[in-house]
Amino acid sequence: MKYKDIDFLNKKYEYVKGDITLENGTVTDITEKDRARGGILPPFVDIHIHGGFGTDIMHASPEEIVCLSKKLYRHKVGAYMPTTVAKDRDSILNIGKNVSKAARCNEGAEIVGIHIEGPFISKKYKGIMEEKYISACDTSLFDDLREIMGDLKIRFTVAPEAENAEAFCKYVTEGGGYISMGHSGAGYEQCAKLKGASSYTHIFNAMAPLHHREDNILSAALTDDLYTELICDNIHVSPKCAQMLTRLKGSKIILVTDALKAMGQGDISFEFCGKIIKADKNGARDSRGRLAGSVLTMKKAFENLLVISDIKTAVKAACENPSRLLSLERFGCIDIGKKVVL
């Protein structure tokens, strides 16, 4: 199908008017004509999302995950990575099976893999996750997930100080998986030893704070060349702190929602990580007031980042960088061979 005279953002981060021909959602031909003041963006890619619109990945059937995919697609998400929390081995593997089955349906936002956030994390920086499920890194979990997930991507959040973390990271990355450092109080040198790690999980959150005489995971995240997830809801990270991050690592930011089932549901209470969570427009918190994921959409995260940065930084963070991290060649910009959500 050919769409004539539509406004869109090209791969040079310029808004233009032109014609786009699509076949099964993929651009097969593109013609730029004139400049425009705004227009269609590349599809968002969310690599850290626990659910939304009433669906919780931890308890969802394949059919419910497909329903989530369709709703995310209507909110301009082209691809995403369903994310777990710390749980027992059998539960994680069962979730992997459900995600894999849902991915084969190929409806709505594309499921590109699974993100295992826990159980290989720090007990001190576990956030609201259940401590009883936190354990030493185990390569056999990766092996079992590879059998289940097939060609889908597998990404782990790992604390560098977790038992067996260094060997686990080497094994996973050499086996085609991805490691993100997070939920951690690790020192700078511990982070440097995690060879093959490619990112940090929700920077500033569930990690040791920065002290000017003590280099740690946060100083590593702010100064090295790895990608850093950012929950840009103005709650998890203040606007000024997010602005500082854009100046330090603007080309390496990845916007994520860390969204829960409450996203798009208004004011609700629900169970998550064995706790009752209350969610409203000001976020999602447990009875102690601790943040528990978010109610953020990718569109809102993009808009919030755009307030404190420029269009190039925001588009790279929401579309291009997560695609580069996971080698998703069909996403990232509007060009021939790329996916588009109109």
C-alpha atoms as a PDB file:
ATOM      1  CA  MET A   1       0.000   0.000   0.000  1.00  0.00           C
ATOM      2  CA  LYS A   2       1.270   3.449  -0.928  1.00  0.00           C
ATOM      3  CA  TYR A   3       0.737   6.382   1.438  1.00  0.00           C
ATOM      4  CA  LYS A   4       1.027   9.700  -0.368  1.00  0.00           C
ATOM      5  CA  ASP A   5       2.014  13.081   1.032  1.00  0.00           C
ATOM      6  CA  ILE A   6       2.452  12.023   4.647  1.00  0.00           C
ATOM      7  CA  ASP A   7       4.723  13.793   7.129  1.00  0.00           C
ATOM      8  CA  PHE A   8       7.426  11.682   8.780  1.00  0.00           C
ATOM      9  CA  LEU A   9      10.851  11.821  10.403  1.00  0.00           C
ATOM     10  CA  ASN A  10      13.603  10.588   8.080  1.00  0.00           C
ATOM     11  CA  LYS A  11      16.810   8.827   9.108  1.00  0.00           C
ATOM     12  CA  LYS A  12      18.591  12.209   9.288  1.00  0.00           C
ATOM     13  CA  TYR A  13      16.182  13.257  12.085  1.00  0.00           C
ATOM     14  CA  GLU A  14      14.434  15.732   9.773  1.00  0.00           C
ATOM     15  CA  TYR A  15      10.676  16.025   9.362  1.00  0.00           C
ATOM     16  CA  VAL A  16       9.733  15.728   5.690  1.00  0.00           C
ATOM     17  CA  LYS A  17       6.663  15.245   3.517  1.00  0.00           C
ATOM     18  CA  GLY A  18       6.692  12.378   1.051  1.00  0.00           C
ATOM     19  CA  ASP A  19       5.344   9.038  -0.120  1.00  0.00           C
ATOM     20  CA  ILE A  20       5.873   5.720   1.672  1.00  0.00           C
ATOM     21  CA  THR A  21       5.037   2.280   0.262  1.00  0.00           C
ATOM     22  CA  LEU A  22       4.511  -0.526   2.784  1.00  0.00           C
ATOM     23  CA  GLU A  23       4.298  -4.284   2.444  1.00  0.00           C
ATOM     24  CA  ASN A  24       3.295  -6.129   5.633  1.00  0.00           C
ATOM     25  CA  GLY A  25       4.329  -3.114   7.688  1.00  0.00           C
ATOM     26  CA  THR A  26       7.786  -2.858   6.089  1.00  0.00           C
ATOM     27  CA  VAL A  27       8.904   0.093   3.958  1.00  0.00           C
ATOM     28  CA  THR A  28       9.596  -1.006   0.369  1.00  0.00           C
ATOM     29  CA  ASP A  29       9.836   2.438  -1.230  1.00  0.00           C
ATOM     30  CA  ILE A  30      10.195   5.966   0.056  1.00  0.00           C
ATOM     31  CA  THR A  31      10.213   9.379  -1.644  1.00  0.00           C
ATOM     32  CA  GLU A  32      10.946  12.641   0.149  1.00  0.00           C
ATOM     33  CA  LYS A  33       9.434  15.826  -1.269  1.00  0.00           C
ATOM     34  CA  ASP A  34       9.357  18.822   1.053  1.00  0.00           C
ATOM     35  CA  ARG A  35      10.185  19.782   4.631  1.00  0.00           C
ATOM     36  CA  ALA A  36       7.513  19.391   7.297  1.00  0.00           C
ATOM     37  CA  ARG A  37       7.015  20.660  10.840  1.00  0.00           C
ATOM     38  CA  GLY A  38       6.150  17.314  12.380  1.00  0.00           C
ATOM     39  CA  GLY A  39       5.053  13.833  11.478  1.00  0.00           C
ATOM     40  CA  ILE A  40       5.269  10.082  12.010  1.00  0.00           C
ATOM     41  CA  LEU A  41       8.115   8.750  14.127  1.00  0.00           C
ATOM     42  CA  PRO A  42       9.878   5.383  13.862  1.00  0.00           C
ATOM     43  CA  PRO A  43       8.227   2.683  16.008  1.00  0.00           C
ATOM     44  CA  PHE A  44       9.129   2.730  19.690  1.00  0.00           C
ATOM     45  CA  VAL A  45      11.088  -0.262  21.045  1.00  0.00           C
ATOM     46  CA  ASP A  46      10.563  -1.057  24.742  1.00  0.00           C
ATOM     47  CA  ILE A  47      13.061  -3.591  26.102  1.00  0.00           C
ATOM     48  CA  HIS A  48      11.914  -3.412  29.738  1.00  0.00           C
ATOM     49  CA  ILE A  49       8.168  -3.761  30.339  1.00  0.00           C
ATOM     50  CA  HIS A  50       6.362  -5.959  32.879  1.00  0.00           C
ATOM     51  CA  GLY A  51       2.896  -5.459  31.444  1.00  0.00           C
ATOM     52  CA  GLY A  52       0.183  -2.931  30.744  1.00  0.00           C
ATOM     53  CA  PHE A  53      -3.508  -2.434  30.033  1.00  0.00           C
ATOM     54  CA  GLY A  54      -4.444  -4.998  32.682  1.00  0.00           C
ATOM     55  CA  THR A  55      -1.915  -7.663  31.616  1.00  0.00           C
ATOM     56  CA  ASP A  56       0.879  -8.849  33.936  1.00  0.00           C
ATOM     57  CA  ILE A  57       3.618 -10.798  32.142  1.00  0.00           C
ATOM     58  CA  MET A  58       4.238 -12.885  35.271  1.00  0.00           C
ATOM     59  CA  HIS A  59       0.729 -14.347  35.165  1.00  0.00           C
ATOM     60  CA  ALA A  60      -0.349 -13.879  31.542  1.00  0.00           C
ATOM     61  CA  SER A  61      -1.361 -16.610  29.121  1.00  0.00           C
ATOM     62  CA  PRO A  62      -0.036 -16.485  25.537  1.00  0.00           C
ATOM     63  CA  GLU A  63      -3.417 -15.084  24.462  1.00  0.00           C
ATOM     64  CA  GLU A  64      -3.225 -12.298  27.044  1.00  0.00           C
ATOM     65  CA  ILE A  65       0.299 -11.415  25.936  1.00  0.00           C
ATOM     66  CA  VAL A  66      -0.914 -11.189  22.329  1.00  0.00           C
ATOM     67  CA  CYS A  67      -3.658  -8.848  23.532  1.00  0.00           C
ATOM     68  CA  LEU A  68      -0.973  -6.686  25.172  1.00  0.00           C
ATOM     69  CA  SER A  69       0.992  -6.696  21.899  1.00  0.00           C
ATOM     70  CA  LYS A  70      -2.015  -5.351  20.014  1.00  0.00           C
ATOM     71  CA  LYS A  71      -2.611  -2.579  22.544  1.00  0.00           C
ATOM     72  CA  LEU A  72       1.032  -1.559  22.586  1.00  0.00           C
ATOM     73  CA  TYR A  73       0.988  -1.400  18.785  1.00  0.00           C
ATOM     74  CA  ARG A  74      -1.905   1.059  18.946  1.00  0.00           C
ATOM     75  CA  HIS A  75       0.352   3.185  21.163  1.00  0.00           C
ATOM     76  CA  LYS A  76       3.103   3.213  18.495  1.00  0.00           C
ATOM     77  CA  VAL A  77       5.271   0.471  20.013  1.00  0.00           C
ATOM     78  CA  GLY A  78       6.712  -1.618  17.201  1.00  0.00           C
ATOM     79  CA  ALA A  79       8.676  -4.095  19.291  1.00  0.00           C
ATOM     80  CA  TYR A  80       9.114  -5.019  22.933  1.00  0.00           C
ATOM     81  CA  MET A  81      10.721  -7.420  25.354  1.00  0.00           C
ATOM     82  CA  PRO A  82       8.365  -8.831  28.039  1.00  0.00           C
ATOM     83  CA  THR A  83      10.147  -8.637  31.381  1.00  0.00           C
ATOM     84  CA  THR A  84      10.039 -10.866  34.457  1.00  0.00           C
ATOM     85  CA  VAL A  85      10.861 -10.284  38.112  1.00  0.00           C
ATOM     86  CA  ALA A  86      12.770 -12.570  40.484  1.00  0.00           C
ATOM     87  CA  LYS A  87      10.890 -15.838  40.748  1.00  0.00           C
ATOM     88  CA  ASP A  88      11.564 -19.556  41.018  1.00  0.00           C
ATOM     89  CA  ARG A  89      13.121 -21.364  38.066  1.00  0.00           C
ATOM     90  CA  ASP A  90       9.985 -23.211  36.958  1.00  0.00           C
ATOM     91  CA  SER A  91       7.947 -19.995  36.931  1.00  0.00           C
ATOM     92  CA  ILE A  92      10.535 -18.191  34.806  1.00  0.00           C
ATOM     93  CA  LEU A  93      10.687 -21.056  32.319  1.00  0.00           C
ATOM     94  CA  ASN A  94       6.900 -21.200  32.123  1.00  0.00           C
ATOM     95  CA  ILE A  95       6.775 -17.472  31.410  1.00  0.00           C
ATOM     96  CA  GLY A  96       9.366 -18.035  28.689  1.00  0.00           C
ATOM     97  CA  LYS A  97       7.112 -20.652  27.104  1.00  0.00           C
ATOM     98  CA  ASN A  98       4.124 -18.277  27.151  1.00  0.00           C
ATOM     99  CA  VAL A  99       6.151 -15.423  25.673  1.00  0.00           C
ATOM    100  CA  SER A 100       7.525 -17.711  22.957  1.00  0.00           C
ATOM    101  CA  LYS A 101       4.041 -18.919  22.015  1.00  0.00           C
ATOM    102  CA  ALA A 102       2.722 -15.356  21.909  1.00  0.00           C
ATOM    103  CA  ALA A 103       5.644 -14.265  19.715  1.00  0.00           C
ATOM    104  CA  ARG A 104       4.721 -16.846  17.094  1.00  0.00           C
ATOM    105  CA  CYS A 105       1.288 -15.227  16.661  1.00  0.00           C
ATOM    106  CA  ASN A 106       3.010 -12.175  15.157  1.00  0.00           C
ATOM    107  CA  GLU A 107       0.169  -9.757  15.927  1.00  0.00           C
ATOM    108  CA  GLY A 108       0.594  -6.170  17.092  1.00  0.00           C
ATOM    109  CA  ALA A 109       3.919  -5.037  18.537  1.00  0.00           C
ATOM    110  CA  GLU A 110       6.595  -7.617  17.760  1.00  0.00           C
ATOM    111  CA  ILE A 111       7.897  -9.652  20.689  1.00  0.00           C
ATOM    112  CA  VAL A 112      11.657  -9.766  20.123  1.00  0.00           C
ATOM    113  CA  GLY A 113      12.637 -11.750  23.204  1.00  0.00           C
ATOM    114  CA  ILE A 114      12.473 -11.876  26.978  1.00  0.00           C
ATOM    115  CA  HIS A 115      14.169  -9.813  29.679  1.00  0.00           C
ATOM    116  CA  ILE A 116      14.899 -11.706  32.916  1.00  0.00           C
ATOM    117  CA  GLU A 117      15.143  -9.034  35.643  1.00  0.00           C
ATOM    118  CA  GLY A 118      16.221 -11.186  38.557  1.00  0.00           C
ATOM    119  CA  PRO A 119      16.902 -13.583  40.193  1.00  0.00           C
ATOM    120  CA  PHE A 120      20.628 -12.802  39.828  1.00  0.00           C
ATOM    121  CA  ILE A 121      20.591  -9.487  41.680  1.00  0.00           C
ATOM    122  CA  SER A 122      21.675  -7.882  44.953  1.00  0.00           C
ATOM    123  CA  LYS A 123      19.531  -8.450  48.033  1.00  0.00           C
ATOM    124  CA  LYS A 124      20.364  -4.946  49.250  1.00  0.00           C
ATOM    125  CA  TYR A 125      19.223  -3.323  46.002  1.00  0.00           C
ATOM    126  CA  LYS A 126      16.396  -5.697  45.139  1.00  0.00           C
ATOM    127  CA  GLY A 127      13.746  -2.953  45.170  1.00  0.00           C
ATOM    128  CA  ILE A 128      10.406  -4.617  45.865  1.00  0.00           C
ATOM    129  CA  MET A 129      11.434  -8.012  44.501  1.00  0.00           C
ATOM    130  CA  GLU A 130      11.076 -10.995  46.808  1.00  0.00           C
ATOM    131  CA  GLU A 131      14.384 -11.840  48.473  1.00  0.00           C
ATOM    132  CA  LYS A 132      13.626 -15.552  48.726  1.00  0.00           C
ATOM    133  CA  TYR A 133      13.979 -15.880  44.950  1.00  0.00           C
ATOM    134  CA  ILE A 134      17.347 -14.127  44.655  1.00  0.00           C
ATOM    135  CA  SER A 135      20.120 -16.602  43.883  1.00  0.00           C
ATOM    136  CA  ALA A 136      23.605 -17.139  42.480  1.00  0.00           C
ATOM    137  CA  CYS A 137      23.968 -16.865  38.700  1.00  0.00           C
ATOM    138  CA  ASP A 138      23.205 -20.169  36.982  1.00  0.00           C
ATOM    139  CA  THR A 139      24.113 -20.783  33.342  1.00  0.00           C
ATOM    140  CA  SER A 140      21.661 -23.688  33.104  1.00  0.00           C
ATOM    141  CA  LEU A 141      18.760 -21.203  33.251  1.00  0.00           C
ATOM    142  CA  PHE A 142      20.125 -19.559  30.114  1.00  0.00           C
ATOM    143  CA  ASP A 143      20.504 -22.966  28.451  1.00  0.00           C
ATOM    144  CA  ASP A 144      16.906 -23.912  29.244  1.00  0.00           C
ATOM    145  CA  LEU A 145      15.600 -20.546  28.052  1.00  0.00           C
ATOM    146  CA  ARG A 146      17.509 -20.882  24.773  1.00  0.00           C
ATOM    147  CA  GLU A 147      15.699 -24.134  24.060  1.00  0.00           C
ATOM    148  CA  ILE A 148      12.365 -22.495  24.795  1.00  0.00           C
ATOM    149  CA  MET A 149      12.901 -19.135  23.079  1.00  0.00           C
ATOM    150  CA  GLY A 150      14.495 -20.349  19.854  1.00  0.00           C
ATOM    151  CA  ASP A 151      15.618 -17.351  17.781  1.00  0.00           C
ATOM    152  CA  LEU A 152      14.173 -14.830  20.241  1.00  0.00           C
ATOM    153  CA  LYS A 153      16.566 -12.641  22.231  1.00  0.00           C
ATOM    154  CA  ILE A 154      17.365 -13.325  25.902  1.00  0.00           C
ATOM    155  CA  ARG A 155      18.486 -10.498  28.167  1.00  0.00           C
ATOM    156  CA  PHE A 156      19.375 -10.713  31.865  1.00  0.00           C
ATOM    157  CA  THR A 157      19.684  -7.996  34.467  1.00  0.00           C
ATOM    158  CA  VAL A 158      22.608  -9.066  36.668  1.00  0.00           C
ATOM    159  CA  ALA A 159      24.291  -7.499  39.700  1.00  0.00           C
ATOM    160  CA  PRO A 160      28.075  -7.627  39.094  1.00  0.00           C
ATOM    161  CA  GLU A 161      28.594  -8.648  42.726  1.00  0.00           C
ATOM    162  CA  ALA A 162      26.223 -11.635  42.446  1.00  0.00           C
ATOM    163  CA  GLU A 163      27.817 -15.035  42.920  1.00  0.00           C
ATOM    164  CA  ASN A 164      29.249 -16.407  39.635  1.00  0.00           C
ATOM    165  CA  ALA A 165      28.348 -13.171  37.813  1.00  0.00           C
ATOM    166  CA  GLU A 166      31.595 -12.878  35.864  1.00  0.00           C
ATOM    167  CA  ALA A 167      31.484 -16.419  34.487  1.00  0.00           C
ATOM    168  CA  PHE A 168      27.748 -16.142  33.836  1.00  0.00           C
ATOM    169  CA  CYS A 169      28.155 -12.943  31.831  1.00  0.00           C
ATOM    170  CA  LYS A 170      30.890 -14.514  29.702  1.00  0.00           C
ATOM    171  CA  TYR A 171      28.806 -17.627  29.076  1.00  0.00           C
ATOM    172  CA  VAL A 172      25.621 -15.734  28.183  1.00  0.00           C
ATOM    173  CA  THR A 173      27.184 -13.158  25.887  1.00  0.00           C
ATOM    174  CA  GLU A 174      29.281 -15.752  24.064  1.00  0.00           C
ATOM    175  CA  GLY A 175      26.058 -17.732  23.639  1.00  0.00           C
ATOM    176  CA  GLY A 176      24.247 -14.835  21.986  1.00  0.00           C
ATOM    177  CA  GLY A 177      22.493 -13.420  25.046  1.00  0.00           C
ATOM    178  CA  TYR A 178      22.622  -9.956  26.581  1.00  0.00           C
ATOM    179  CA  ILE A 179      23.640  -8.738  30.028  1.00  0.00           C
ATOM    180  CA  SER A 180      22.492  -5.510  31.663  1.00  0.00           C
ATOM    181  CA  MET A 181      24.016  -4.493  35.002  1.00  0.00           C
ATOM    182  CA  GLY A 182      21.548  -3.404  37.650  1.00  0.00           C
ATOM    183  CA  HIS A 183      19.874  -3.935  41.021  1.00  0.00           C
ATOM    184  CA  SER A 184      23.375  -3.584  42.358  1.00  0.00           C
ATOM    185  CA  GLY A 185      25.744  -1.889  44.770  1.00  0.00           C
ATOM    186  CA  ALA A 186      28.832  -3.048  42.882  1.00  0.00           C
ATOM    187  CA  GLY A 187      32.087  -1.142  42.827  1.00  0.00           C
ATOM    188  CA  TYR A 188      33.528   0.309  39.639  1.00  0.00           C
ATOM    189  CA  GLU A 189      36.074  -2.488  39.230  1.00  0.00           C
ATOM    190  CA  GLN A 190      33.423  -5.170  39.670  1.00  0.00           C
ATOM    191  CA  CYS A 191      31.463  -3.644  36.805  1.00  0.00           C
ATOM    192  CA  ALA A 192      34.557  -3.497  34.618  1.00  0.00           C
ATOM    193  CA  LYS A 193      35.081  -7.240  35.117  1.00  0.00           C
ATOM    194  CA  LEU A 194      31.680  -8.091  33.670  1.00  0.00           C
ATOM    195  CA  LYS A 195      33.062  -8.426  30.145  1.00  0.00           C
ATOM    196  CA  GLY A 196      30.384  -8.505  27.469  1.00  0.00           C
ATOM    197  CA  ALA A 197      27.763  -6.581  29.446  1.00  0.00           C
ATOM    198  CA  SER A 198      26.143  -4.031  27.143  1.00  0.00           C
ATOM    199  CA  SER A 199      23.894  -1.866  29.307  1.00  0.00           C
ATOM    200  CA  TYR A 200      22.676  -0.729  32.713  1.00  0.00           C
ATOM    201  CA  THR A 201      19.149  -1.330  33.983  1.00  0.00           C
ATOM    202  CA  HIS A 202      17.023   1.733  34.889  1.00  0.00           C
ATOM    203  CA  ILE A 203      19.902   4.029  35.816  1.00  0.00           C
ATOM    204  CA  PHE A 204      19.782   5.667  39.281  1.00  0.00           C
ATOM    205  CA  ASN A 205      17.110   3.216  40.432  1.00  0.00           C
ATOM    206  CA  ALA A 206      17.845   0.073  42.467  1.00  0.00           C
ATOM    207  CA  MET A 207      21.568   0.846  42.453  1.00  0.00           C
ATOM    208  CA  ALA A 208      24.021   2.393  44.894  1.00  0.00           C
ATOM    209  CA  PRO A 209      23.945   6.213  44.900  1.00  0.00           C
ATOM    210  CA  LEU A 210      27.013   8.154  43.803  1.00  0.00           C
ATOM    211  CA  HIS A 211      29.557   9.464  46.307  1.00  0.00           C
ATOM    212  CA  HIS A 212      32.245  11.779  45.016  1.00  0.00           C
ATOM    213  CA  ARG A 213      35.042   9.758  46.648  1.00  0.00           C
ATOM    214  CA  GLU A 214      33.688   6.266  45.946  1.00  0.00           C
ATOM    215  CA  ASP A 215      33.453   5.054  42.353  1.00  0.00           C
ATOM    216  CA  ASN A 216      30.719   2.446  41.899  1.00  0.00           C
ATOM    217  CA  ILE A 217      28.174   1.115  39.417  1.00  0.00           C
ATOM    218  CA  LEU A 218      26.637   4.559  38.946  1.00  0.00           C
ATOM    219  CA  SER A 219      29.931   6.277  38.178  1.00  0.00           C
ATOM    220  CA  ALA A 220      30.654   3.418  35.765  1.00  0.00           C
ATOM    221  CA  ALA A 221      27.276   3.890  34.066  1.00  0.00           C
ATOM    222  CA  LEU A 222      27.813   7.628  33.732  1.00  0.00           C
ATOM    223  CA  THR A 223      31.319   7.429  32.285  1.00  0.00           C
ATOM    224  CA  ASP A 224      31.670   4.283  30.177  1.00  0.00           C
ATOM    225  CA  ASP A 225      30.374   3.673  26.653  1.00  0.00           C
ATOM    226  CA  LEU A 226      27.572   1.218  27.456  1.00  0.00           C
ATOM    227  CA  TYR A 227      23.872   1.927  27.010  1.00  0.00           C
ATOM    228  CA  THR A 228      21.825   3.083  29.987  1.00  0.00           C
ATOM    229  CA  GLU A 229      18.109   2.494  30.457  1.00  0.00           C
ATOM    230  CA  LEU A 230      16.148   5.540  31.606  1.00  0.00           C
ATOM    231  CA  ILE A 231      12.613   5.551  33.015  1.00  0.00           C
ATOM    232  CA  CYS A 232      11.727   9.083  31.929  1.00  0.00           C
ATOM    233  CA  ASP A 233       8.493   9.629  33.867  1.00  0.00           C
ATOM    234  CA  ASN A 234       9.831  12.521  36.010  1.00  0.00           C
ATOM    235  CA  ILE A 235       9.233  10.267  39.028  1.00  0.00           C
ATOM    236  CA  HIS A 236      11.966   7.624  38.917  1.00  0.00           C
ATOM    237  CA  VAL A 237      14.463  10.284  37.809  1.00  0.00           C
ATOM    238  CA  SER A 238      13.972  14.024  38.251  1.00  0.00           C
ATOM    239  CA  PRO A 239      13.919  16.150  35.090  1.00  0.00           C
ATOM    240  CA  LYS A 240      17.156  17.898  36.053  1.00  0.00           C
ATOM    241  CA  CYS A 241      18.911  14.618  36.747  1.00  0.00           C
ATOM    242  CA  ALA A 242      17.631  13.235  33.446  1.00  0.00           C
ATOM    243  CA  GLN A 243      18.910  16.369  31.732  1.00  0.00           C
ATOM    244  CA  MET A 244      22.324  15.780  33.295  1.00  0.00           C
ATOM    245  CA  LEU A 245      22.237  12.250  31.901  1.00  0.00           C
ATOM    246  CA  THR A 246      21.500  13.522  28.391  1.00  0.00           C
ATOM    247  CA  ARG A 247      24.571  15.756  28.583  1.00  0.00           C
ATOM    248  CA  LEU A 248      26.776  12.922  29.783  1.00  0.00           C
ATOM    249  CA  LYS A 249      25.370  10.036  27.735  1.00  0.00           C
ATOM    250  CA  GLY A 250      22.826  11.466  25.310  1.00  0.00           C
ATOM    251  CA  SER A 251      23.817   9.128  22.492  1.00  0.00           C
ATOM    252  CA  LYS A 252      23.653   6.027  24.727  1.00  0.00           C
ATOM    253  CA  ILE A 253      20.298   6.432  26.492  1.00  0.00           C
ATOM    254  CA  ILE A 254      17.571   3.819  26.031  1.00  0.00           C
ATOM    255  CA  LEU A 255      14.082   4.823  27.074  1.00  0.00           C
ATOM    256  CA  VAL A 256      12.143   2.084  28.846  1.00  0.00           C
ATOM    257  CA  THR A 257       8.808   2.116  30.616  1.00  0.00           C
ATOM    258  CA  ASP A 258       9.311  -0.566  33.306  1.00  0.00           C
ATOM    259  CA  ALA A 259       5.516  -0.491  33.078  1.00  0.00           C
ATOM    260  CA  LEU A 260       3.218  -2.705  35.134  1.00  0.00           C
ATOM    261  CA  LYS A 261      -0.286  -3.975  34.367  1.00  0.00           C
ATOM    262  CA  ALA A 262      -1.546  -0.635  35.733  1.00  0.00           C
ATOM    263  CA  MET A 263      -0.311   1.257  32.675  1.00  0.00           C
ATOM    264  CA  GLY A 264      -3.407   2.593  30.920  1.00  0.00           C
ATOM    265  CA  GLN A 265      -5.713   1.455  33.749  1.00  0.00           C
ATOM    266  CA  GLY A 266      -6.142   4.591  35.866  1.00  0.00           C
ATOM    267  CA  ASP A 267      -6.215   4.306  39.665  1.00  0.00           C
ATOM    268  CA  ILE A 268      -6.026   0.634  40.670  1.00  0.00           C
ATOM    269  CA  SER A 269      -4.619  -1.687  43.327  1.00  0.00           C
ATOM    270  CA  PHE A 270      -3.103  -5.059  42.450  1.00  0.00           C
ATOM    271  CA  GLU A 271      -0.586  -7.689  43.560  1.00  0.00           C
ATOM    272  CA  PHE A 272       2.989  -7.590  42.281  1.00  0.00           C
ATOM    273  CA  CYS A 273       6.081  -9.259  43.736  1.00  0.00           C
ATOM    274  CA  GLY A 274       3.978 -10.548  46.615  1.00  0.00           C
ATOM    275  CA  LYS A 275       2.901  -7.044  47.634  1.00  0.00           C
ATOM    276  CA  ILE A 276      -0.162  -4.876  47.158  1.00  0.00           C
ATOM    277  CA  ILE A 277       0.642  -2.036  44.784  1.00  0.00           C
ATOM    278  CA  LYS A 278      -1.405   1.123  44.419  1.00  0.00           C
ATOM    279  CA  ALA A 279      -1.115   2.951  41.126  1.00  0.00           C
ATOM    280  CA  ASP A 280      -2.311   6.355  39.971  1.00  0.00           C
ATOM    281  CA  LYS A 281      -1.025   9.215  37.834  1.00  0.00           C
ATOM    282  CA  ASN A 282       1.851   9.690  40.300  1.00  0.00           C
ATOM    283  CA  GLY A 283       3.227   6.190  39.751  1.00  0.00           C
ATOM    284  CA  ALA A 284       2.986   2.757  41.340  1.00  0.00           C
ATOM    285  CA  ARG A 285       4.062   2.155  44.958  1.00  0.00           C
ATOM    286  CA  ASP A 286       3.841  -0.468  47.667  1.00  0.00           C
ATOM    287  CA  SER A 287       2.508   0.126  51.197  1.00  0.00           C
ATOM    288  CA  ARG A 288       5.913   1.506  52.260  1.00  0.00           C
ATOM    289  CA  GLY A 289       5.907   4.065  49.466  1.00  0.00           C
ATOM    290  CA  ARG A 290       8.586   2.305  47.424  1.00  0.00           C
ATOM    291  CA  LEU A 291       8.370   2.626  43.659  1.00  0.00           C
ATOM    292  CA  ALA A 292       7.258  -0.555  41.902  1.00  0.00           C
ATOM    293  CA  GLY A 293       7.708  -0.148  38.189  1.00  0.00           C
ATOM    294  CA  SER A 294       5.688   2.550  36.447  1.00  0.00           C
ATOM    295  CA  VAL A 295       2.488   3.454  34.638  1.00  0.00           C
ATOM    296  CA  LEU A 296       4.499   5.114  31.862  1.00  0.00           C
ATOM    297  CA  THR A 297       3.912   4.703  28.129  1.00  0.00           C
ATOM    298  CA  MET A 298       6.718   4.984  25.579  1.00  0.00           C
ATOM    299  CA  LYS A 299       4.968   7.937  23.960  1.00  0.00           C
ATOM    300  CA  LYS A 300       4.960   9.841  27.247  1.00  0.00           C
ATOM    301  CA  ALA A 301       8.572   8.877  27.977  1.00  0.00           C
ATOM    302  CA  PHE A 302       9.539  10.209  24.540  1.00  0.00           C
ATOM    303  CA  GLU A 303       7.633  13.452  25.132  1.00  0.00           C
ATOM    304  CA  ASN A 304       9.261  13.932  28.536  1.00  0.00           C
ATOM    305  CA  LEU A 305      12.747  13.413  27.115  1.00  0.00           C
ATOM    306  CA  LEU A 306      12.026  15.789  24.251  1.00  0.00           C
ATOM    307  CA  VAL A 307      11.381  18.583  26.790  1.00  0.00           C
ATOM    308  CA  ILE A 308      14.964  18.366  28.096  1.00  0.00           C
ATOM    309  CA  SER A 309      16.810  17.298  24.928  1.00  0.00           C
ATOM    310  CA  ASP A 310      16.414  17.442  21.146  1.00  0.00           C
ATOM    311  CA  ILE A 311      14.618  15.318  18.568  1.00  0.00           C
ATOM    312  CA  LYS A 312      17.754  13.346  17.671  1.00  0.00           C
ATOM    313  CA  THR A 313      18.467  12.367  21.280  1.00  0.00           C
ATOM    314  CA  ALA A 314      14.827  11.431  21.939  1.00  0.00           C
ATOM    315  CA  VAL A 315      14.429   9.357  18.762  1.00  0.00           C
ATOM    316  CA  LYS A 316      17.716   7.559  19.319  1.00  0.00           C
ATOM    317  CA  ALA A 317      16.680   6.751  22.898  1.00  0.00           C
ATOM    318  CA  ALA A 318      13.166   5.537  22.075  1.00  0.00           C
ATOM    319  CA  CYS A 319      13.744   3.859  18.712  1.00  0.00           C
ATOM    320  CA  GLU A 320      17.291   3.537  17.460  1.00  0.00           C
ATOM    321  CA  ASN A 321      19.400   2.651  20.519  1.00  0.00           C
ATOM    322  CA  PRO A 322      17.319  -0.297  21.748  1.00  0.00           C
ATOM    323  CA  SER A 323      17.323  -1.591  18.165  1.00  0.00           C
ATOM    324  CA  ARG A 324      21.103  -1.281  17.973  1.00  0.00           C
ATOM    325  CA  LEU A 325      21.570  -2.947  21.363  1.00  0.00           C
ATOM    326  CA  LEU A 326      19.615  -6.027  20.282  1.00  0.00           C
ATOM    327  CA  SER A 327      20.703  -5.936  16.598  1.00  0.00           C
ATOM    328  CA  LEU A 328      17.125  -5.419  15.410  1.00  0.00           C
ATOM    329  CA  GLU A 329      17.923  -4.277  11.889  1.00  0.00           C
ATOM    330  CA  ARG A 330      14.258  -3.885  10.930  1.00  0.00           C
ATOM    331  CA  PHE A 331      13.678  -1.124  13.514  1.00  0.00           C
ATOM    332  CA  GLY A 332      15.286   2.184  14.449  1.00  0.00           C
ATOM    333  CA  CYS A 333      14.360   4.667  11.721  1.00  0.00           C
ATOM    334  CA  ILE A 334      12.010   5.227   8.797  1.00  0.00           C
ATOM    335  CA  ASP A 335      13.793   3.877   5.743  1.00  0.00           C
ATOM    336  CA  ILE A 336      13.560   1.086   3.155  1.00  0.00           C
ATOM    337  CA  GLY A 337      13.545  -2.304   4.846  1.00  0.00           C
ATOM    338  CA  LYS A 338      12.422  -0.898   8.207  1.00  0.00           C
ATOM    339  CA  LYS A 339       9.182  -1.480  10.090  1.00  0.00           C
ATOM    340  CA  VAL A 340       6.760   1.433  10.430  1.00  0.00           C
ATOM    341  CA  VAL A 341       3.684   1.876  12.617  1.00  0.00           C
ATOM    342  CA  LEU A 342       1.190   4.209  10.928  1.00  0.00           C
END
